[in-house]
Structures are given as structure tokens and as C-alpha cells.
Amino acid sequence: MSVRNESLGTIHKALDARGLVCPEPVMLLHRAVREIAAGELIEMIATDPSTERDVPKFCLFLGHELVLEERDGEEYRYYIRKSG
């Protein structure tokens, strides 16, 4: 199932990592990246503050694009585009 975000385009995979702690959010993200095609977008919501460090490093290390990173109170939201 995909969802349309007006500013980012189609979200092909949504991950809810709320309540999970390091390393679980990044493990979920790694699995999700393998399940989508190059160029597709993942939205991940997390509550673990360590994702502020881990998700950008994950993207940098594996070459994926961190399109947007937002924080709303206790929640962190990431949009990651899979590299080709």
C-alpha cells in the first residue's frame, strides 16, 4: 500500500518504530529498504532519540537519501529514498 504526501510524493512503505529502542528502529529500516524498489520512499516514525544519529548515518553509509527529518515532541519522522 502506498500513500501520497503532497510535498514528498508517494510513500511506498511506512514504518512505525515507536516504542522501539536502538538498534531495533534501524533494523526495521534496513529490512524495509530491501523490500522496496530503487527510488521509492519510506516514512519512518520513531520515539528513540538515538535515531537522530542512527538514521542519517545509516543513509550516509548505504548511500540512501534522507529526504526529510522532522521532530514533533517525542516523535521523530524520517523520509528515506532508496538509492538505485
Protein backbone atom coordinates (compact mmCIF):
# COMPACT_ATOMS: atom_id res chain seq x y z
CA MET A 1 0.00 0.00 0.00
CA SER A 2 1.31 3.45 -0.85
CA VAL A 3 0.20 6.83 0.41
CA ARG A 4 0.61 10.21 -1.25
CA ASN A 5 2.35 13.03 0.63
CA GLU A 6 1.75 16.34 -1.16
CA SER A 7 5.28 17.66 -0.65
CA LEU A 8 7.28 14.41 -0.94
CA GLY A 9 5.34 12.27 -3.38
CA THR A 10 4.28 8.67 -2.87
CA ILE A 11 5.27 6.92 0.34
CA HIS A 12 5.77 3.29 -0.60
CA LYS A 13 6.45 1.89 2.86
CA ALA A 14 5.51 3.21 6.30
CA LEU A 15 7.38 2.04 9.40
CA ASP A 16 6.12 2.53 12.93
CA ALA A 17 9.12 2.17 15.22
CA ARG A 18 7.52 3.99 18.16
CA GLY A 19 8.43 2.37 21.45
CA LEU A 20 11.40 0.51 19.98
CA VAL A 21 14.96 1.27 21.11
CA CYS A 22 18.36 1.02 19.45
CA PRO A 23 19.14 -1.00 17.37
CA GLU A 24 15.56 -2.07 16.51
CA PRO A 25 14.45 1.05 14.53
CA VAL A 26 17.43 0.83 12.19
CA MET A 27 17.00 -2.93 11.84
CA LEU A 28 13.38 -2.34 10.72
CA LEU A 29 14.57 0.34 8.31
CA HIS A 30 17.21 -1.98 6.86
CA ARG A 31 14.59 -4.68 6.24
CA ALA A 32 12.17 -2.16 4.69
CA VAL A 33 14.82 -0.86 2.28
CA ARG A 34 15.29 -4.39 0.95
CA GLU A 35 11.54 -4.68 0.31
CA ILE A 36 11.16 -1.65 -1.96
CA ALA A 37 12.50 -0.68 -5.37
CA ALA A 38 15.19 1.91 -6.05
CA GLY A 39 13.79 5.43 -5.96
CA GLU A 40 10.88 4.53 -3.69
CA LEU A 41 10.23 6.35 -0.41
CA ILE A 42 9.99 5.09 3.18
CA GLU A 43 8.41 7.02 6.03
CA MET A 44 9.58 6.01 9.50
CA ILE A 45 8.19 7.26 12.81
CA ALA A 46 10.27 6.61 15.93
CA THR A 47 10.45 7.68 19.56
CA ASP A 48 14.04 6.66 20.32
CA PRO A 49 16.26 9.79 20.36
CA SER A 50 19.21 7.74 19.11
CA THR A 51 17.52 7.61 15.69
CA GLU A 52 18.60 11.26 15.23
CA ARG A 53 22.14 9.91 14.99
CA ASP A 54 21.49 6.42 13.59
CA VAL A 55 19.17 7.12 10.65
CA PRO A 56 21.38 9.77 8.98
CA LYS A 57 24.44 7.53 9.45
CA PHE A 58 22.53 4.56 8.00
CA CYS A 59 21.63 6.63 4.93
CA LEU A 60 25.14 8.02 4.50
CA PHE A 61 26.79 4.62 4.90
CA LEU A 62 24.46 2.81 2.47
CA GLY A 63 24.01 5.68 0.02
CA HIS A 64 20.28 6.27 0.52
CA GLU A 65 18.82 9.79 0.50
CA LEU A 66 17.50 11.20 3.76
CA VAL A 67 14.88 13.41 2.12
CA LEU A 68 13.44 14.93 5.27
CA GLU A 69 13.91 14.62 9.03
CA GLU A 70 11.34 16.12 11.42
CA ARG A 71 10.73 16.15 15.14
CA ASP A 72 7.36 16.70 16.79
CA GLY A 73 7.64 16.50 20.56
CA GLU A 74 8.67 12.94 21.41
CA GLU A 75 8.31 11.65 17.84
CA TYR A 76 10.90 11.63 15.09
CA ARG A 77 9.81 11.28 11.48
CA TYR A 78 12.16 10.33 8.64
CA TYR A 79 11.64 10.08 4.88
CA ILE A 80 14.24 7.95 3.14
CA ARG A 81 14.54 7.37 -0.62
CA LYS A 82 16.22 4.14 -1.63
CA SER A 83 19.28 4.58 -3.84
CA GLY A 84 19.49 2.99 -7.24
